Amino acid sequence: MLGETANRRGPNEREQLIIQRVAEGCKNREIADSLGTTEHVVKNYLRLIYDKLGLWNRVELALWYEARQHEQVYHA
């Protein structure tokens, strides 16, 4: 069920960077500072990312990211 309604397009480059930072355990403020933007913009990106991937929160997002990292290792 998870991700059933997810958009078929994957995350764009900026979204991928935010996903990586979330998986590293960064807070929204830290992500914003590293990207030179505001915390509000990061929150908006996260909402879009959750919708696109059919996820609910940053824990699911971090797990999604880690699973993709392992897939890349096995398919390389």
PDB file of N, CA and C in Angstrom:
ATOM      1  N   MET A   1       0.810  -1.191   0.000  1.00  0.00           N
ATOM      2  CA  MET A   1       0.000   0.000   0.000  1.00  0.00           C
ATOM      3  C   MET A   1       0.857   1.259   0.000  1.00  0.00           C
ATOM      4  N   LEU A   2       1.963   1.201   0.750  1.00  0.00           N
ATOM      5  CA  LEU A   2       2.824   2.367   0.853  1.00  0.00           C
ATOM      6  C   LEU A   2       3.346   2.741  -0.522  1.00  0.00           C
ATOM      7  N   GLY A   3       3.117   3.974  -0.908  1.00  0.00           N
ATOM      8  CA  GLY A   3       3.609   4.454  -2.178  1.00  0.00           C
ATOM      9  C   GLY A   3       2.723   4.142  -3.361  1.00  0.00           C
ATOM     10  N   GLU A   4       1.560   3.552  -3.125  1.00  0.00           N
ATOM     11  CA  GLU A   4       0.668   3.194  -4.220  1.00  0.00           C
ATOM     12  C   GLU A   4       0.253   4.410  -5.042  1.00  0.00           C
ATOM     13  N   THR A   5       0.005   5.513  -4.365  1.00  0.00           N
ATOM     14  CA  THR A   5      -0.442   6.702  -5.076  1.00  0.00           C
ATOM     15  C   THR A   5       0.727   7.627  -5.383  1.00  0.00           C
ATOM     16  N   ALA A   6       1.934   7.155  -5.151  1.00  0.00           N
ATOM     17  CA  ALA A   6       3.113   7.990  -5.364  1.00  0.00           C
ATOM     18  C   ALA A   6       3.258   8.354  -6.836  1.00  0.00           C
ATOM     19  N   ASN A   7       3.775   9.538  -7.047  1.00  0.00           N
ATOM     20  CA  ASN A   7       4.072  10.019  -8.375  1.00  0.00           C
ATOM     21  C   ASN A   7       5.140   9.122  -8.992  1.00  0.00           C
ATOM     22  N   ARG A   8       5.038   8.832 -10.257  1.00  0.00           N
ATOM     23  CA  ARG A   8       5.981   7.938 -10.927  1.00  0.00           C
ATOM     24  C   ARG A   8       7.354   8.590 -11.132  1.00  0.00           C
ATOM     25  N   ARG A   9       7.412   9.903 -11.151  1.00  0.00           N
ATOM     26  CA  ARG A   9       8.701  10.572 -11.284  1.00  0.00           C
ATOM     27  C   ARG A   9       9.450  10.469  -9.962  1.00  0.00           C
ATOM     28  N   GLY A  10      10.735  10.258 -10.061  1.00  0.00           N
ATOM     29  CA  GLY A  10      11.547  10.217  -8.854  1.00  0.00           C
ATOM     30  C   GLY A  10      11.906  11.625  -8.409  1.00  0.00           C
ATOM     31  N   PRO A  11      12.565  11.709  -7.274  1.00  0.00           N
ATOM     32  CA  PRO A  11      12.979  13.012  -6.750  1.00  0.00           C
ATOM     33  C   PRO A  11      13.975  13.700  -7.689  1.00  0.00           C
ATOM     34  N   ASN A  12      13.850  15.023  -7.801  1.00  0.00           N
ATOM     35  CA  ASN A  12      14.812  15.771  -8.605  1.00  0.00           C
ATOM     36  C   ASN A  12      16.101  15.948  -7.799  1.00  0.00           C
ATOM     37  N   GLU A  13      17.070  16.606  -8.380  1.00  0.00           N
ATOM     38  CA  GLU A  13      18.389  16.736  -7.755  1.00  0.00           C
ATOM     39  C   GLU A  13      18.336  17.430  -6.389  1.00  0.00           C
ATOM     40  N   ARG A  14      17.597  18.511  -6.306  1.00  0.00           N
ATOM     41  CA  ARG A  14      17.474  19.252  -5.037  1.00  0.00           C
ATOM     42  C   ARG A  14      16.771  18.389  -3.979  1.00  0.00           C
ATOM     43  N   GLU A  15      15.709  17.713  -4.397  1.00  0.00           N
ATOM     44  CA  GLU A  15      14.980  16.831  -3.487  1.00  0.00           C
ATOM     45  C   GLU A  15      15.876  15.686  -3.004  1.00  0.00           C
ATOM     46  N   GLN A  16      16.689  15.151  -3.892  1.00  0.00           N
ATOM     47  CA  GLN A  16      17.603  14.077  -3.512  1.00  0.00           C
ATOM     48  C   GLN A  16      18.589  14.544  -2.449  1.00  0.00           C
ATOM     49  N   LEU A  17      19.065  15.767  -2.587  1.00  0.00           N
ATOM     50  CA  LEU A  17      19.988  16.321  -1.600  1.00  0.00           C
ATOM     51  C   LEU A  17      19.308  16.464  -0.242  1.00  0.00           C
ATOM     52  N   ILE A  18      18.077  16.930  -0.242  1.00  0.00           N
ATOM     53  CA  ILE A  18      17.316  17.063   1.010  1.00  0.00           C
ATOM     54  C   ILE A  18      17.070  15.688   1.623  1.00  0.00           C
ATOM     55  N   ILE A  19      16.707  14.719   0.808  1.00  0.00           N
ATOM     56  CA  ILE A  19      16.478  13.358   1.303  1.00  0.00           C
ATOM     57  C   ILE A  19      17.755  12.817   1.948  1.00  0.00           C
ATOM     58  N   GLN A  20      18.876  13.028   1.295  1.00  0.00           N
ATOM     59  CA  GLN A  20      20.147  12.556   1.840  1.00  0.00           C
ATOM     60  C   GLN A  20      20.438  13.203   3.191  1.00  0.00           C
ATOM     61  N   ARG A  21      20.187  14.504   3.290  1.00  0.00           N
ATOM     62  CA  ARG A  21      20.445  15.219   4.548  1.00  0.00           C
ATOM     63  C   ARG A  21      19.519  14.715   5.664  1.00  0.00           C
ATOM     64  N   VAL A  22      18.263  14.436   5.318  1.00  0.00           N
ATOM     65  CA  VAL A  22      17.327  13.877   6.306  1.00  0.00           C
ATOM     66  C   VAL A  22      17.841  12.519   6.785  1.00  0.00           C
ATOM     67  N   ALA A  23      18.283  11.689   5.843  1.00  0.00           N
ATOM     68  CA  ALA A  23      18.786  10.357   6.186  1.00  0.00           C
ATOM     69  C   ALA A  23      20.035  10.439   7.059  1.00  0.00           C
ATOM     70  N   GLU A  24      20.790  11.518   6.924  1.00  0.00           N
ATOM     71  CA  GLU A  24      21.984  11.732   7.748  1.00  0.00           C
ATOM     72  C   GLU A  24      21.624  12.234   9.142  1.00  0.00           C
ATOM     73  N   GLY A  25      20.335  12.543   9.342  1.00  0.00           N
ATOM     74  CA  GLY A  25      19.878  12.991  10.649  1.00  0.00           C
ATOM     75  C   GLY A  25      19.860  14.493  10.840  1.00  0.00           C
ATOM     76  N   CYS A  26      20.018  15.245   9.760  1.00  0.00           N
ATOM     77  CA  CYS A  26      20.005  16.709   9.857  1.00  0.00           C
ATOM     78  C   CYS A  26      18.601  17.220  10.148  1.00  0.00           C
ATOM     79  N   LYS A  27      18.541  18.281  10.910  1.00  0.00           N
ATOM     80  CA  LYS A  27      17.281  18.970  11.187  1.00  0.00           C
ATOM     81  C   LYS A  27      16.991  19.942  10.039  1.00  0.00           C
ATOM     82  N   ASN A  28      15.735  20.377   9.940  1.00  0.00           N
ATOM     83  CA  ASN A  28      15.339  21.279   8.854  1.00  0.00           C
ATOM     84  C   ASN A  28      16.201  22.529   8.813  1.00  0.00           C
ATOM     85  N   ARG A  29      16.510  23.096   9.967  1.00  0.00           N
ATOM     86  CA  ARG A  29      17.343  24.303  10.028  1.00  0.00           C
ATOM     87  C   ARG A  29      18.730  24.029   9.447  1.00  0.00           C
ATOM     88  N   GLU A  30      19.317  22.883   9.777  1.00  0.00           N
ATOM     89  CA  GLU A  30      20.638  22.519   9.263  1.00  0.00           C
ATOM     90  C   GLU A  30      20.604  22.322   7.745  1.00  0.00           C
ATOM     91  N   ILE A  31      19.543  21.703   7.272  1.00  0.00           N
ATOM     92  CA  ILE A  31      19.391  21.501   5.828  1.00  0.00           C
ATOM     93  C   ILE A  31      19.262  22.853   5.136  1.00  0.00           C
ATOM     94  N   ALA A  32      18.442  23.717   5.692  1.00  0.00           N
ATOM     95  CA  ALA A  32      18.250  25.051   5.115  1.00  0.00           C
ATOM     96  C   ALA A  32      19.570  25.811   5.057  1.00  0.00           C
ATOM     97  N   ASP A  33      20.318  25.777   6.137  1.00  0.00           N
ATOM     98  CA  ASP A  33      21.599  26.487   6.170  1.00  0.00           C
ATOM     99  C   ASP A  33      22.561  25.942   5.125  1.00  0.00           C
ATOM    100  N   SER A  34      22.594  24.623   4.968  1.00  0.00           N
ATOM    101  CA  SER A  34      23.520  24.021   4.001  1.00  0.00           C
ATOM    102  C   SER A  34      23.126  24.339   2.557  1.00  0.00           C
ATOM    103  N   LEU A  35      21.828  24.571   2.329  1.00  0.00           N
ATOM    104  CA  LEU A  35      21.344  24.881   0.975  1.00  0.00           C
ATOM    105  C   LEU A  35      21.236  26.379   0.712  1.00  0.00           C
ATOM    106  N   GLY A  36      21.449  27.177   1.750  1.00  0.00           N
ATOM    107  CA  GLY A  36      21.325  28.622   1.583  1.00  0.00           C
ATOM    108  C   GLY A  36      19.890  29.069   1.389  1.00  0.00           C
ATOM    109  N   THR A  37      18.980  28.428   2.108  1.00  0.00           N
ATOM    110  CA  THR A  37      17.567  28.773   1.994  1.00  0.00           C
ATOM    111  C   THR A  37      16.967  28.853   3.394  1.00  0.00           C
ATOM    112  N   THR A  38      15.647  28.874   3.470  1.00  0.00           N
ATOM    113  CA  THR A  38      14.981  28.984   4.764  1.00  0.00           C
ATOM    114  C   THR A  38      14.411  27.645   5.203  1.00  0.00           C
ATOM    115  N   GLU A  39      14.153  27.544   6.478  1.00  0.00           N
ATOM    116  CA  GLU A  39      13.546  26.341   7.032  1.00  0.00           C
ATOM    117  C   GLU A  39      12.164  26.105   6.420  1.00  0.00           C
ATOM    118  N   HIS A  40      11.443  27.200   6.158  1.00  0.00           N
ATOM    119  CA  HIS A  40      10.107  27.104   5.549  1.00  0.00           C
ATOM    120  C   HIS A  40      10.183  26.437   4.177  1.00  0.00           C
ATOM    121  N   VAL A  41      11.182  26.807   3.387  1.00  0.00           N
ATOM    122  CA  VAL A  41      11.347  26.207   2.057  1.00  0.00           C
ATOM    123  C   VAL A  41      11.642  24.715   2.188  1.00  0.00           C
ATOM    124  N   VAL A  42      12.478  24.341   3.150  1.00  0.00           N
ATOM    125  CA  VAL A  42      12.791  22.929   3.369  1.00  0.00           C
ATOM    126  C   VAL A  42      11.528  22.166   3.753  1.00  0.00           C
ATOM    127  N   LYS A  43      10.706  22.735   4.629  1.00  0.00           N
ATOM    128  CA  LYS A  43       9.451  22.081   5.023  1.00  0.00           C
ATOM    129  C   LYS A  43       8.550  21.870   3.812  1.00  0.00           C
ATOM    130  N   ASN A  44       8.489  22.857   2.938  1.00  0.00           N
ATOM    131  CA  ASN A  44       7.681  22.717   1.715  1.00  0.00           C
ATOM    132  C   ASN A  44       8.222  21.611   0.827  1.00  0.00           C
ATOM    133  N   TYR A  45       9.536  21.563   0.672  1.00  0.00           N
ATOM    134  CA  TYR A  45      10.150  20.493  -0.112  1.00  0.00           C
ATOM    135  C   TYR A  45       9.802  19.132   0.481  1.00  0.00           C
ATOM    136  N   LEU A  46       9.890  19.022   1.798  1.00  0.00           N
ATOM    137  CA  LEU A  46       9.605  17.746   2.443  1.00  0.00           C
ATOM    138  C   LEU A  46       8.162  17.307   2.194  1.00  0.00           C
ATOM    139  N   ARG A  47       7.219  18.240   2.248  1.00  0.00           N
ATOM    140  CA  ARG A  47       5.828  17.885   1.943  1.00  0.00           C
ATOM    141  C   ARG A  47       5.701  17.356   0.518  1.00  0.00           C
ATOM    142  N   LEU A  48       6.372  18.027  -0.420  1.00  0.00           N
ATOM    143  CA  LEU A  48       6.329  17.585  -1.816  1.00  0.00           C
ATOM    144  C   LEU A  48       6.977  16.209  -1.985  1.00  0.00           C
ATOM    145  N   ILE A  49       8.095  16.014  -1.296  1.00  0.00           N
ATOM    146  CA  ILE A  49       8.796  14.727  -1.370  1.00  0.00           C
ATOM    147  C   ILE A  49       7.925  13.616  -0.799  1.00  0.00           C
ATOM    148  N   TYR A  50       7.318  13.853   0.366  1.00  0.00           N
ATOM    149  CA  TYR A  50       6.439  12.843   0.970  1.00  0.00           C
ATOM    150  C   TYR A  50       5.309  12.475   0.009  1.00  0.00           C
ATOM    151  N   ASP A  51       4.694  13.485  -0.588  1.00  0.00           N
ATOM    152  CA  ASP A  51       3.599  13.236  -1.533  1.00  0.00           C
ATOM    153  C   ASP A  51       4.096  12.457  -2.748  1.00  0.00           C
ATOM    154  N   LYS A  52       5.226  12.861  -3.280  1.00  0.00           N
ATOM    155  CA  LYS A  52       5.768  12.235  -4.479  1.00  0.00           C
ATOM    156  C   LYS A  52       6.094  10.763  -4.237  1.00  0.00           C
ATOM    157  N   LEU A  53       6.615  10.454  -3.046  1.00  0.00           N
ATOM    158  CA  LEU A  53       7.047   9.091  -2.752  1.00  0.00           C
ATOM    159  C   LEU A  53       6.001   8.271  -2.001  1.00  0.00           C
ATOM    160  N   GLY A  54       4.901   8.912  -1.613  1.00  0.00           N
ATOM    161  CA  GLY A  54       3.862   8.200  -0.884  1.00  0.00           C
ATOM    162  C   GLY A  54       4.266   7.873   0.543  1.00  0.00           C
ATOM    163  N   LEU A  55       5.026   8.760   1.161  1.00  0.00           N
ATOM    164  CA  LEU A  55       5.507   8.562   2.519  1.00  0.00           C
ATOM    165  C   LEU A  55       4.829   9.535   3.470  1.00  0.00           C
ATOM    166  N   TRP A  56       4.983   9.274   4.778  1.00  0.00           N
ATOM    167  CA  TRP A  56       4.300  10.087   5.779  1.00  0.00           C
ATOM    168  C   TRP A  56       5.212  10.971   6.613  1.00  0.00           C
ATOM    169  N   ASN A  57       6.474  10.553   6.801  1.00  0.00           N
ATOM    170  CA  ASN A  57       7.335  11.312   7.707  1.00  0.00           C
ATOM    171  C   ASN A  57       8.812  11.083   7.385  1.00  0.00           C
ATOM    172  N   ARG A  58       9.690  11.760   8.137  1.00  0.00           N
ATOM    173  CA  ARG A  58      11.122  11.692   7.850  1.00  0.00           C
ATOM    174  C   ARG A  58      11.725  10.340   8.202  1.00  0.00           C
ATOM    175  N   VAL A  59      11.136   9.595   9.114  1.00  0.00           N
ATOM    176  CA  VAL A  59      11.635   8.252   9.412  1.00  0.00           C
ATOM    177  C   VAL A  59      11.429   7.358   8.186  1.00  0.00           C
ATOM    178  N   GLU A  60      10.228   7.387   7.632  1.00  0.00           N
ATOM    179  CA  GLU A  60       9.964   6.612   6.421  1.00  0.00           C
ATOM    180  C   GLU A  60      10.870   7.072   5.282  1.00  0.00           C
ATOM    181  N   LEU A  61      11.098   8.378   5.199  1.00  0.00           N
ATOM    182  CA  LEU A  61      11.950   8.926   4.145  1.00  0.00           C
ATOM    183  C   LEU A  61      13.383   8.417   4.303  1.00  0.00           C
ATOM    184  N   ALA A  62      13.899   8.419   5.514  1.00  0.00           N
ATOM    185  CA  ALA A  62      15.255   7.929   5.757  1.00  0.00           C
ATOM    186  C   ALA A  62      15.359   6.443   5.423  1.00  0.00           C
ATOM    187  N   LEU A  63      14.343   5.665   5.785  1.00  0.00           N
ATOM    188  CA  LEU A  63      14.339   4.236   5.456  1.00  0.00           C
ATOM    189  C   LEU A  63      14.260   4.028   3.947  1.00  0.00           C
ATOM    190  N   TRP A  64      13.456   4.833   3.262  1.00  0.00           N
ATOM    191  CA  TRP A  64      13.345   4.768   1.803  1.00  0.00           C
ATOM    192  C   TRP A  64      14.714   5.030   1.182  1.00  0.00           C
ATOM    193  N   TYR A  65      15.402   6.062   1.662  1.00  0.00           N
ATOM    194  CA  TYR A  65      16.725   6.423   1.145  1.00  0.00           C
ATOM    195  C   TYR A  65      17.716   5.281   1.363  1.00  0.00           C
ATOM    196  N   GLU A  66      17.758   4.739   2.565  1.00  0.00           N
ATOM    197  CA  GLU A  66      18.690   3.652   2.881  1.00  0.00           C
ATOM    198  C   GLU A  66      18.426   2.429   2.004  1.00  0.00           C
ATOM    199  N   ALA A  67      17.176   2.103   1.780  1.00  0.00           N
ATOM    200  CA  ALA A  67      16.837   0.971   0.919  1.00  0.00           C
ATOM    201  C   ALA A  67      17.354   1.201  -0.496  1.00  0.00           C
ATOM    202  N   ARG A  68      17.239   2.424  -1.003  1.00  0.00           N
ATOM    203  CA  ARG A  68      17.718   2.740  -2.349  1.00  0.00           C
ATOM    204  C   ARG A  68      19.235   2.664  -2.414  1.00  0.00           C
ATOM    205  N   GLN A  69      19.922   3.032  -1.340  1.00  0.00           N
ATOM    206  CA  GLN A  69      21.379   2.960  -1.309  1.00  0.00           C
ATOM    207  C   GLN A  69      21.821   1.504  -1.407  1.00  0.00           C
ATOM    208  N   HIS A  70      21.132   0.619  -0.716  1.00  0.00           N
ATOM    209  CA  HIS A  70      21.472  -0.801  -0.764  1.00  0.00           C
ATOM    210  C   HIS A  70      21.162  -1.391  -2.134  1.00  0.00           C
ATOM    211  N   GLU A  71      20.084  -0.946  -2.766  1.00  0.00           N
ATOM    212  CA  GLU A  71      19.745  -1.414  -4.109  1.00  0.00           C
ATOM    213  C   GLU A  71      20.839  -1.056  -5.095  1.00  0.00           C
ATOM    214  N   GLN A  72      21.387   0.155  -4.979  1.00  0.00           N
ATOM    215  CA  GLN A  72      22.438   0.604  -5.886  1.00  0.00           C
ATOM    216  C   GLN A  72      23.687  -0.240  -5.730  1.00  0.00           C
ATOM    217  N   VAL A  73      24.006  -0.629  -4.506  1.00  0.00           N
ATOM    218  CA  VAL A  73      25.184  -1.456  -4.251  1.00  0.00           C
ATOM    219  C   VAL A  73      25.017  -2.822  -4.905  1.00  0.00           C
ATOM    220  N   TYR A  74      23.837  -3.418  -4.771  1.00  0.00           N
ATOM    221  CA  TYR A  74      23.591  -4.751  -5.304  1.00  0.00           C
ATOM    222  C   TYR A  74      23.480  -4.761  -6.830  1.00  0.00           C
ATOM    223  N   HIS A  75      23.057  -3.646  -7.423  1.00  0.00           N
ATOM    224  CA  HIS A  75      22.884  -3.598  -8.876  1.00  0.00           C
ATOM    225  C   HIS A  75      24.099  -3.027  -9.589  1.00  0.00           C
ATOM    226  N   ALA A  76      25.094  -2.626  -8.860  1.00  0.00           N
ATOM    227  CA  ALA A  76      26.288  -2.029  -9.488  1.00  0.00           C
ATOM    228  C   ALA A  76      27.227  -3.087 -10.022  1.00  0.00           C
TER     229      ALA A  76
END
